[in-house]
C-alpha atoms as a PDB file:
ATOM      1  CA  MET A   1      -8.882 -23.425  29.105  1.00  0.00           C
ATOM      2  CA  GLU A   2      -7.987 -21.931  32.478  1.00  0.00           C
ATOM      3  CA  ILE A   3      -5.422 -19.511  31.080  1.00  0.00           C
ATOM      4  CA  PHE A   4      -8.177 -17.694  29.181  1.00  0.00           C
ATOM      5  CA  GLN A   5     -10.441 -17.267  32.197  1.00  0.00           C
ATOM      6  CA  ASN A   6     -11.145 -13.759  33.470  1.00  0.00           C
ATOM      7  CA  LEU A   7      -9.579 -12.106  30.422  1.00  0.00           C
ATOM      8  CA  SER A   8     -10.802  -8.568  29.828  1.00  0.00           C
ATOM      9  CA  ILE A   9     -12.178  -7.320  26.526  1.00  0.00           C
ATOM     10  CA  GLU A  10      -9.015  -5.253  26.167  1.00  0.00           C
ATOM     11  CA  LEU A  11      -6.797  -8.314  26.305  1.00  0.00           C
ATOM     12  CA  VAL A  12      -9.020 -10.280  23.948  1.00  0.00           C
ATOM     13  CA  SER A  13      -8.715  -7.391  21.494  1.00  0.00           C
ATOM     14  CA  PHE A  14      -4.938  -7.923  21.587  1.00  0.00           C
ATOM     15  CA  VAL A  15      -5.506 -11.465  20.322  1.00  0.00           C
ATOM     16  CA  VAL A  16      -7.624 -10.244  17.417  1.00  0.00           C
ATOM     17  CA  PHE A  17      -5.216  -7.397  16.615  1.00  0.00           C
ATOM     18  CA  GLY A  18      -2.266  -9.795  16.774  1.00  0.00           C
ATOM     19  CA  ALA A  19      -3.974 -12.153  14.352  1.00  0.00           C
ATOM     20  CA  VAL A  20      -4.474  -9.286  11.882  1.00  0.00           C
ATOM     21  CA  ILE A  21      -0.778  -8.323  12.089  1.00  0.00           C
ATOM     22  CA  PHE A  22       0.258 -11.964  11.717  1.00  0.00           C
ATOM     23  CA  VAL A  23      -1.901 -12.476   8.611  1.00  0.00           C
ATOM     24  CA  THR A  24      -0.535  -9.232   7.105  1.00  0.00           C
ATOM     25  CA  GLY A  25       3.015 -10.449   7.666  1.00  0.00           C
ATOM     26  CA  THR A  26       2.392 -13.905   6.221  1.00  0.00           C
ATOM     27  CA  THR A  27       0.691 -12.355   3.190  1.00  0.00           C
ATOM     28  CA  LYS A  28       3.716 -10.138   2.534  1.00  0.00           C
ATOM     29  CA  LEU A  29       6.017 -13.137   3.017  1.00  0.00           C
ATOM     30  CA  ARG A  30       4.075 -15.243   0.488  1.00  0.00           C
ATOM     31  CA  GLU A  31       4.141 -12.403  -2.029  1.00  0.00           C
ATOM     32  CA  HIS A  32       7.891 -12.002  -1.565  1.00  0.00           C
ATOM     33  CA  LEU A  33       8.553 -15.724  -1.979  1.00  0.00           C
ATOM     34  CA  ARG A  34       6.257 -15.953  -4.992  1.00  0.00           C
ATOM     35  CA  PHE A  35       7.958 -13.022  -6.668  1.00  0.00           C
ATOM     36  CA  LYS A  36      11.429 -14.350  -5.829  1.00  0.00           C
ATOM     37  CA  LYS A  37      10.505 -17.673  -7.421  1.00  0.00           C
ATOM     38  CA  CYS A  38       8.586 -16.460 -10.456  1.00  0.00           C
ATOM     39  CA  GLY A  39       8.929 -12.702 -10.830  1.00  0.00           C
ATOM     40  CA  THR A  40      11.205 -10.868 -13.237  1.00  0.00           C
ATOM     41  CA  ILE A  41      11.598  -7.083 -13.474  1.00  0.00           C
ATOM     42  CA  CYS A  42      12.455  -5.545 -16.825  1.00  0.00           C
ATOM     43  CA  GLU A  43      11.981  -2.382 -18.846  1.00  0.00           C
ATOM     44  CA  ALA A  44       9.204  -2.209 -21.428  1.00  0.00           C
ATOM     45  CA  THR A  45       8.063   0.235 -24.089  1.00  0.00           C
ATOM     46  CA  VAL A  46       4.493   1.508 -24.329  1.00  0.00           C
ATOM     47  CA  LEU A  47       3.210   0.692 -27.802  1.00  0.00           C
ATOM     48  CA  GLN A  48      -0.335   1.877 -27.212  1.00  0.00           C
ATOM     49  CA  CYS A  49      -2.270   3.550 -24.385  1.00  0.00           C
ATOM     50  CA  ASN A  50      -6.093   3.636 -24.539  1.00  0.00           C
ATOM     51  CA  HIS A  51      -8.209   5.510 -22.009  1.00  0.00           C
ATOM     52  CA  VAL A  52     -11.251   3.584 -20.750  1.00  0.00           C
ATOM     53  CA  SER A  53     -13.936   5.545 -18.890  1.00  0.00           C
ATOM     54  CA  GLN A  54     -17.635   5.175 -18.135  1.00  0.00           C
ATOM     55  CA  ASN A  55     -20.315   7.408 -16.594  1.00  0.00           C
ATOM     56  CA  ASP A  56     -23.552   6.330 -14.951  1.00  0.00           C
ATOM     57  CA  LYS A  57     -27.010   7.750 -15.728  1.00  0.00           C
ATOM     58  CA  GLN A  58     -26.454  10.594 -13.275  1.00  0.00           C
ATOM     59  CA  GLY A  59     -23.221  11.590 -15.025  1.00  0.00           C
ATOM     60  CA  ASN A  60     -20.904  10.282 -12.312  1.00  0.00           C
ATOM     61  CA  LEU A  61     -17.593   8.851 -13.466  1.00  0.00           C
ATOM     62  CA  ILE A  62     -17.693   5.192 -12.372  1.00  0.00           C
ATOM     63  CA  GLN A  63     -14.838   3.688 -14.361  1.00  0.00           C
ATOM     64  CA  ASN A  64     -11.449   5.137 -15.289  1.00  0.00           C
ATOM     65  CA  TYR A  65      -8.289   3.281 -16.267  1.00  0.00           C
ATOM     66  CA  TYR A  66      -5.813   2.813 -19.126  1.00  0.00           C
ATOM     67  CA  GLU A  67      -5.260  -0.217 -21.319  1.00  0.00           C
ATOM     68  CA  LEU A  68      -1.579  -0.466 -22.160  1.00  0.00           C
ATOM     69  CA  ARG A  69       0.008  -2.503 -24.907  1.00  0.00           C
ATOM     70  CA  VAL A  70       3.678  -2.916 -24.055  1.00  0.00           C
ATOM     71  CA  GLY A  71       6.625  -4.554 -25.741  1.00  0.00           C
ATOM     72  CA  TYR A  72       9.500  -6.132 -23.847  1.00  0.00           C
ATOM     73  CA  GLU A  73      12.260  -8.696 -24.189  1.00  0.00           C
ATOM     74  CA  GLU A  74      12.447 -11.914 -22.184  1.00  0.00           C
ATOM     75  CA  ASN A  75      15.231 -14.490 -22.571  1.00  0.00           C
ATOM     76  CA  GLY A  76      16.239 -12.962 -25.901  1.00  0.00           C
ATOM     77  CA  HIS A  77      12.698 -13.091 -27.319  1.00  0.00           C
ATOM     78  CA  LYS A  78      10.590 -10.018 -28.072  1.00  0.00           C
ATOM     79  CA  LYS A  79       7.119 -10.190 -26.544  1.00  0.00           C
ATOM     80  CA  GLN A  80       4.037  -8.040 -26.068  1.00  0.00           C
ATOM     81  CA  ALA A  81       1.426  -7.904 -23.324  1.00  0.00           C
ATOM     82  CA  ASN A  82      -1.713  -6.032 -22.303  1.00  0.00           C
ATOM     83  CA  ILE A  83      -1.795  -4.282 -18.915  1.00  0.00           C
ATOM     84  CA  LYS A  84      -4.513  -2.401 -17.066  1.00  0.00           C
ATOM     85  CA  SER A  85      -3.070   0.659 -15.363  1.00  0.00           C
ATOM     86  CA  LEU A  86      -4.433   3.418 -13.140  1.00  0.00           C
ATOM     87  CA  GLN A  87      -2.048   5.917 -14.699  1.00  0.00           C
ATOM     88  CA  GLU A  88      -1.508   7.190 -18.207  1.00  0.00           C
ATOM     89  CA  TYR A  89       1.692   6.652 -20.191  1.00  0.00           C
ATOM     90  CA  GLY A  90       2.786   8.287 -23.423  1.00  0.00           C
ATOM     91  CA  GLN A  91       3.308   6.203 -26.538  1.00  0.00           C
ATOM     92  CA  GLU A  92       6.909   5.019 -26.973  1.00  0.00           C
ATOM     93  CA  THR A  93       7.708   5.946 -23.365  1.00  0.00           C
ATOM     94  CA  SER A  94       9.395   3.458 -21.042  1.00  0.00           C
ATOM     95  CA  LEU A  95       8.102   1.850 -17.893  1.00  0.00           C
ATOM     96  CA  ILE A  96       9.151  -0.940 -15.542  1.00  0.00           C
ATOM     97  CA  ILE A  97       7.092  -4.127 -15.515  1.00  0.00           C
ATOM     98  CA  VAL A  98       6.982  -7.314 -13.474  1.00  0.00           C
ATOM     99  CA  ILE A  99       6.665 -10.583 -15.384  1.00  0.00           C
ATOM    100  CA  ASN A 100       4.754 -12.399 -12.680  1.00  0.00           C
ATOM    101  CA  LYS A 101       4.508 -16.029 -13.754  1.00  0.00           C
ATOM    102  CA  GLY A 102       1.975 -17.895 -11.690  1.00  0.00           C
ATOM    103  CA  GLY A 103       0.281 -14.746 -10.372  1.00  0.00           C
ATOM    104  CA  LYS A 104      -3.162 -13.289 -11.065  1.00  0.00           C
ATOM    105  CA  GLU A 105      -1.703 -11.165 -13.858  1.00  0.00           C
ATOM    106  CA  ASP A 106       1.083 -12.345 -16.154  1.00  0.00           C
ATOM    107  CA  VAL A 107       2.511  -8.834 -16.517  1.00  0.00           C
ATOM    108  CA  GLU A 108       2.026  -5.903 -14.161  1.00  0.00           C
ATOM    109  CA  VAL A 109       3.353  -2.372 -13.864  1.00  0.00           C
ATOM    110  CA  CYS A 110       6.092  -2.122 -11.224  1.00  0.00           C
ATOM    111  CA  GLU A 111       5.617   1.086  -9.221  1.00  0.00           C
ATOM    112  CA  GLY A 112       8.616   0.820  -6.931  1.00  0.00           C
ATOM    113  CA  PRO A 113      10.929  -1.476  -5.007  1.00  0.00           C
ATOM    114  CA  GLY A 114       9.369  -3.959  -2.627  1.00  0.00           C
ATOM    115  CA  GLN A 115      10.324  -4.174   1.006  1.00  0.00           C
ATOM    116  CA  PRO A 116      12.942  -6.759   2.052  1.00  0.00           C
ATOM    117  CA  MET A 117      11.831 -10.111   3.385  1.00  0.00           C
ATOM    118  CA  TYR A 118      12.797  -9.364   6.976  1.00  0.00           C
ATOM    119  CA  THR A 119      10.052  -6.708   7.220  1.00  0.00           C
ATOM    120  CA  ALA A 120       7.505  -9.506   6.709  1.00  0.00           C
ATOM    121  CA  TRP A 121       9.171 -11.502   9.503  1.00  0.00           C
ATOM    122  CA  ILE A 122       8.983  -8.418  11.735  1.00  0.00           C
ATOM    123  CA  LEU A 123       5.218  -8.288  11.251  1.00  0.00           C
ATOM    124  CA  ILE A 124       4.890 -12.028  11.828  1.00  0.00           C
ATOM    125  CA  ALA A 125       6.868 -11.810  15.076  1.00  0.00           C
ATOM    126  CA  ALA A 126       4.867  -8.768  16.185  1.00  0.00           C
ATOM    127  CA  GLY A 127       1.618 -10.614  15.497  1.00  0.00           C
ATOM    128  CA  ILE A 128       2.698 -13.646  17.508  1.00  0.00           C
ATOM    129  CA  LEU A 129       3.802 -11.515  20.462  1.00  0.00           C
ATOM    130  CA  THR A 130       0.558  -9.528  20.409  1.00  0.00           C
ATOM    131  CA  THR A 131      -1.535 -12.696  20.308  1.00  0.00           C
ATOM    132  CA  LEU A 132       0.390 -14.255  23.206  1.00  0.00           C
ATOM    133  CA  LEU A 133       0.128 -11.159  25.391  1.00  0.00           C
ATOM    134  CA  PRO A 134      -2.966 -12.346  27.338  1.00  0.00           C
ATOM    135  CA  VAL A 135      -1.258 -15.663  28.103  1.00  0.00           C
ATOM    136  CA  ILE A 136       1.952 -13.932  29.216  1.00  0.00           C
ATOM    137  CA  LYS A 137      -0.011 -11.581  31.486  1.00  0.00           C
ATOM    138  CA  ASN A 138      -1.905 -14.477  33.037  1.00  0.00           C
ATOM    139  CA  ASP A 139       1.277 -16.498  33.741  1.00  0.00           C
ATOM    140  CA  TYR A 140       3.875 -13.797  34.469  1.00  0.00           C
ATOM    141  CA  GLY A 141       1.843 -10.772  35.483  1.00  0.00           C
ATOM    142  CA  MET A 142       2.538  -7.171  34.519  1.00  0.00           C
ATOM    143  CA  THR A 143       6.310  -7.689  34.349  1.00  0.00           C
ATOM    144  CA  GLY A 144       5.929 -10.205  31.540  1.00  0.00           C
ATOM    145  CA  SER A 145       3.389  -7.975  29.800  1.00  0.00           C
ATOM    146  CA  PHE A 146       5.708  -4.945  29.903  1.00  0.00           C
ATOM    147  CA  LEU A 147       8.556  -7.020  28.460  1.00  0.00           C
ATOM    148  CA  ILE A 148       6.447  -8.342  25.586  1.00  0.00           C
ATOM    149  CA  LEU A 149       5.013  -4.891  24.878  1.00  0.00           C
ATOM    150  CA  SER A 150       8.491  -3.352  24.853  1.00  0.00           C
ATOM    151  CA  ILE A 151       9.735  -5.935  22.343  1.00  0.00           C
ATOM    152  CA  LEU A 152       6.572  -5.415  20.284  1.00  0.00           C
ATOM    153  CA  PHE A 153       7.075  -1.647  20.124  1.00  0.00           C
ATOM    154  CA  LEU A 154      10.731  -2.145  19.173  1.00  0.00           C
ATOM    155  CA  LEU A 155       9.681  -4.354  16.264  1.00  0.00           C
ATOM    156  CA  LEU A 156       7.072  -1.842  15.112  1.00  0.00           C
ATOM    157  CA  SER A 157       9.641   0.957  15.401  1.00  0.00           C
ATOM    158  CA  LEU A 158      12.036  -0.993  13.201  1.00  0.00           C
ATOM    159  CA  TYR A 159       9.324  -1.717  10.630  1.00  0.00           C
ATOM    160  CA  PHE A 160       8.221   1.927  10.311  1.00  0.00           C
ATOM    161  CA  MET A 161      11.816   3.179  10.192  1.00  0.00           C
ATOM    162  CA  ARG A 162      12.729   0.707   7.430  1.00  0.00           C
ATOM    163  CA  SER A 163       9.646   1.737   5.433  1.00  0.00           C
ATOM    164  CA  TYR A 164      10.512   5.423   5.819  1.00  0.00           C
ATOM    165  CA  LEU A 165      14.184   5.008   4.860  1.00  0.00           C
ATOM    166  CA  GLY A 166      13.256   2.793   1.909  1.00  0.00           C
ATOM    167  CA  ASP A 167      10.978   5.514   0.547  1.00  0.00           C
ATOM    168  CA  LYS A 168      13.588   8.223   1.110  1.00  0.00           C
ATOM    169  CA  LYS A 169      16.133   6.348  -1.029  1.00  0.00           C
ATOM    170  CA  ARG A 170      13.908   6.434  -4.076  1.00  0.00           C
ATOM    171  CA  LYS A 171      14.943   8.737  -6.938  1.00  0.00           C
ATOM    172  CA  ILE A 172      11.875  10.955  -6.926  1.00  0.00           C
ATOM    173  CA  ILE A 173      11.074  14.523  -7.854  1.00  0.00           C
ATOM    174  CA  PRO A 174       8.041  16.438  -6.510  1.00  0.00           C
ATOM    175  CA  VAL A 175       5.446  17.522  -9.082  1.00  0.00           C
ATOM    176  CA  GLU A 176       2.263  19.492  -8.635  1.00  0.00           C
ATOM    177  CA  ALA A 177      -0.930  17.750  -9.714  1.00  0.00           C
ATOM    178  CA  GLU A 178      -4.422  19.099 -10.235  1.00  0.00           C
ATOM    179  CA  ILE A 179      -7.687  17.274  -9.569  1.00  0.00           C
ATOM    180  CA  THR A 180      -9.540  17.191 -12.891  1.00  0.00           C
ATOM    181  CA  ASP A 181     -12.358  14.765 -12.066  1.00  0.00           C
ATOM    182  CA  LEU A 182     -13.671  12.384  -9.383  1.00  0.00           C
ATOM    183  CA  LEU A 183     -14.343   8.680  -9.673  1.00  0.00           C
ATOM    184  CA  TYR A 184     -17.618   7.837  -7.914  1.00  0.00           C
ATOM    185  CA  TRP A 185     -17.681   4.531  -6.047  1.00  0.00           C
ATOM    186  CA  LYS A 186     -20.701   3.201  -4.145  1.00  0.00           C
ATOM    187  CA  LYS A 187     -20.521   0.054  -2.066  1.00  0.00           C
ATOM    188  CA  GLY A 188     -23.798  -1.492  -0.992  1.00  0.00           C
ATOM    189  CA  LYS A 189     -27.383  -1.248  -2.219  1.00  0.00           C
ATOM    190  CA  GLU A 190     -30.000   1.425  -1.663  1.00  0.00           C
ATOM    191  CA  GLY A 191     -32.892   0.648   0.639  1.00  0.00           C
ATOM    192  CA  GLY A 192     -30.978  -1.514   3.072  1.00  0.00           C
ATOM    193  CA  LYS A 193     -32.454  -1.562   6.561  1.00  0.00           C
ATOM    194  CA  LEU A 194     -29.265  -2.289   8.470  1.00  0.00           C
ATOM    195  CA  ILE A 195     -26.391  -1.312   6.190  1.00  0.00           C
ATOM    196  CA  LYS A 196     -26.510   1.856   4.124  1.00  0.00           C
ATOM    197  CA  PRO A 197     -24.427   2.243   0.957  1.00  0.00           C
ATOM    198  CA  VAL A 198     -20.993   3.812   1.411  1.00  0.00           C
ATOM    199  CA  ILE A 199     -19.959   6.408  -1.163  1.00  0.00           C
ATOM    200  CA  SER A 200     -16.297   7.164  -1.874  1.00  0.00           C
ATOM    201  CA  TYR A 201     -14.565   9.541  -4.271  1.00  0.00           C
ATOM    202  CA  TYR A 202     -11.221   8.870  -5.959  1.00  0.00           C
ATOM    203  CA  PRO A 203      -9.556  11.961  -7.460  1.00  0.00           C
ATOM    204  CA  ILE A 204      -8.308  11.917 -11.049  1.00  0.00           C
ATOM    205  CA  LEU A 205      -5.004  13.804 -10.984  1.00  0.00           C
ATOM    206  CA  MET A 206      -3.259  15.536 -13.884  1.00  0.00           C
ATOM    207  CA  TYR A 207       0.462  16.269 -13.712  1.00  0.00           C
ATOM    208  CA  GLU A 208       3.169  17.360 -16.133  1.00  0.00           C
ATOM    209  CA  HIS A 209       6.473  15.595 -16.817  1.00  0.00           C
ATOM    210  CA  ASN A 210       8.998  16.481 -19.531  1.00  0.00           C
ATOM    211  CA  GLY A 211       6.539  18.877 -21.116  1.00  0.00           C
ATOM    212  CA  ALA A 212       3.726  16.308 -21.464  1.00  0.00           C
ATOM    213  CA  LYS A 213       0.564  16.026 -19.362  1.00  0.00           C
ATOM    214  CA  TYR A 214      -0.514  12.723 -17.842  1.00  0.00           C
ATOM    215  CA  HIS A 215      -3.378  11.516 -15.666  1.00  0.00           C
ATOM    216  CA  ILE A 216      -3.468   9.111 -12.750  1.00  0.00           C
ATOM    217  CA  ARG A 217      -6.386   7.830 -10.693  1.00  0.00           C
ATOM    218  CA  SER A 218      -5.654   8.204  -7.009  1.00  0.00           C
ATOM    219  CA  LYS A 219      -5.452   5.075  -4.860  1.00  0.00           C
ATOM    220  CA  TYR A 220      -6.730   7.063  -1.890  1.00  0.00           C
ATOM    221  CA  ASN A 221     -10.422   7.798  -1.471  1.00  0.00           C
ATOM    222  CA  TYR A 222     -12.462  10.491   0.270  1.00  0.00           C
ATOM    223  CA  THR A 223     -15.933  10.235   1.740  1.00  0.00           C
ATOM    224  CA  SER A 224     -16.786  13.839   0.900  1.00  0.00           C
ATOM    225  CA  GLN A 225     -16.560  15.727  -2.384  1.00  0.00           C
ATOM    226  CA  SER A 226     -15.635  18.908  -0.531  1.00  0.00           C
ATOM    227  CA  ALA A 227     -12.334  17.328   0.529  1.00  0.00           C
ATOM    228  CA  CYS A 228     -11.247  16.786  -3.092  1.00  0.00           C
ATOM    229  CA  ARG A 229     -12.834  19.464  -5.247  1.00  0.00           C
ATOM    230  CA  THR A 230     -12.028  19.704  -8.929  1.00  0.00           C
ATOM    231  CA  GLY A 231      -9.265  22.244  -9.451  1.00  0.00           C
ATOM    232  CA  ASN A 232      -7.585  21.604  -6.106  1.00  0.00           C
ATOM    233  CA  LYS A 233      -3.813  21.177  -6.187  1.00  0.00           C
ATOM    234  CA  LYS A 234      -1.921  18.274  -4.637  1.00  0.00           C
ATOM    235  CA  MET A 235       1.774  17.430  -4.440  1.00  0.00           C
ATOM    236  CA  ILE A 236       2.723  14.009  -5.824  1.00  0.00           C
ATOM    237  CA  TYR A 237       6.071  12.521  -6.891  1.00  0.00           C
ATOM    238  CA  TYR A 238       7.613  11.126 -10.040  1.00  0.00           C
ATOM    239  CA  ASP A 239       9.969   8.173  -9.662  1.00  0.00           C
ATOM    240  CA  GLU A 240      12.769   8.587 -12.204  1.00  0.00           C
ATOM    241  CA  GLU A 241      14.018   5.017 -11.743  1.00  0.00           C
ATOM    242  CA  TYR A 242      10.671   3.216 -12.021  1.00  0.00           C
ATOM    243  CA  LYS A 243       9.237   5.778 -14.485  1.00  0.00           C
ATOM    244  CA  CYS A 244       5.908   6.294 -12.768  1.00  0.00           C
ATOM    245  CA  ALA A 245       4.023   8.720 -10.554  1.00  0.00           C
ATOM    246  CA  VAL A 246       3.528   7.919  -6.857  1.00  0.00           C
ATOM    247  CA  GLU A 247       1.261   9.807  -4.489  1.00  0.00           C
ATOM    248  CA  GLN A 248       3.163   9.312  -1.268  1.00  0.00           C
ATOM    249  CA  CYS A 249       6.847   8.791  -0.639  1.00  0.00           C
ATOM    250  CA  GLY A 250       9.025   9.235   2.437  1.00  0.00           C
ATOM    251  CA  ARG A 251       5.925   9.725   4.551  1.00  0.00           C
ATOM    252  CA  ARG A 252       6.886  11.712   7.629  1.00  0.00           C
ATOM    253  CA  TYR A 253       4.302  10.028   9.838  1.00  0.00           C
ATOM    254  CA  MET A 254       6.267   6.772   9.501  1.00  0.00           C
ATOM    255  CA  LEU A 255       9.335   8.459  10.971  1.00  0.00           C
ATOM    256  CA  ILE A 256       7.250   9.998  13.746  1.00  0.00           C
ATOM    257  CA  TRP A 257       5.619   6.682  14.654  1.00  0.00           C
ATOM    258  CA  SER A 258       8.990   4.950  14.562  1.00  0.00           C
ATOM    259  CA  ILE A 259      10.400   7.417  17.098  1.00  0.00           C
ATOM    260  CA  VAL A 260       7.275   7.224  19.281  1.00  0.00           C
ATOM    261  CA  PHE A 261       7.318   3.411  19.340  1.00  0.00           C
ATOM    262  CA  PHE A 262      11.045   3.392  20.111  1.00  0.00           C
ATOM    263  CA  LEU A 263      10.625   5.780  23.056  1.00  0.00           C
ATOM    264  CA  ILE A 264       7.722   3.712  24.423  1.00  0.00           C
ATOM    265  CA  ALA A 265       9.804   0.522  24.118  1.00  0.00           C
ATOM    266  CA  VAL A 266      12.798   2.079  25.880  1.00  0.00           C
ATOM    267  CA  SER A 267      10.638   3.473  28.702  1.00  0.00           C
ATOM    268  CA  GLY A 268       9.044   0.046  29.132  1.00  0.00           C
ATOM    269  CA  LEU A 269      12.402  -1.739  29.319  1.00  0.00           C
ATOM    270  CA  VAL A 270      13.769   0.809  31.800  1.00  0.00           C
ATOM    271  CA  SER A 271      10.750   0.359  34.076  1.00  0.00           C
ATOM    272  CA  LEU A 272      11.299  -3.410  34.402  1.00  0.00           C
END
């Protein structure tokens, strides 16, 4: 097609980047609609919590999770379910679960409130605008490009601000955690000519709440052991409402990016 002639690599990258944002938005939208149709949030009681771990021949920890047996009530009927969790819970303690009918898991641990549906639509709109940017530039020149980019940055500013404010509203308390072990994860096979195996380390964190000690496997990985040595301290948070530990909440970089994107959008609109 003529409209795609003489496009630079930079503009083509906008198409690819826009497609990634669009797919992310549609994925979040499908999850929201699926949960709205089938999901139910309720409180459950931990009946049993078993620690499952495994080491390889070199002594590296390669598996670490907890098998929970929980009891809950649904439609007036008492039920039980098994859940795999990355964090430890005490027996007879409470937690919040999602009864996710039609999903991959019937029952899952709920670790916090989801984002509203309009945030998914923001990502979808941002993806469409990013993908159309090369076409707009070809037909309307730099003026059209600046307008689309300004709208795009406004949408991204709104998304990051909503994410930041949503985290800040959570009923959390900061707790100090200590790295007690590292989960070793290797992706790829040894001896590859083109692709070498990638090694990642996931910290096992221990924290204290109400006089009891609990463990949680971090969702964030490191490529070097020196960045997450055993014994290092790290600040995490305990969510009093959802009765679970979270590693990040009210992330300041979201606020910073929201302000940066807003300023860029305003400067772009003023320059038109």
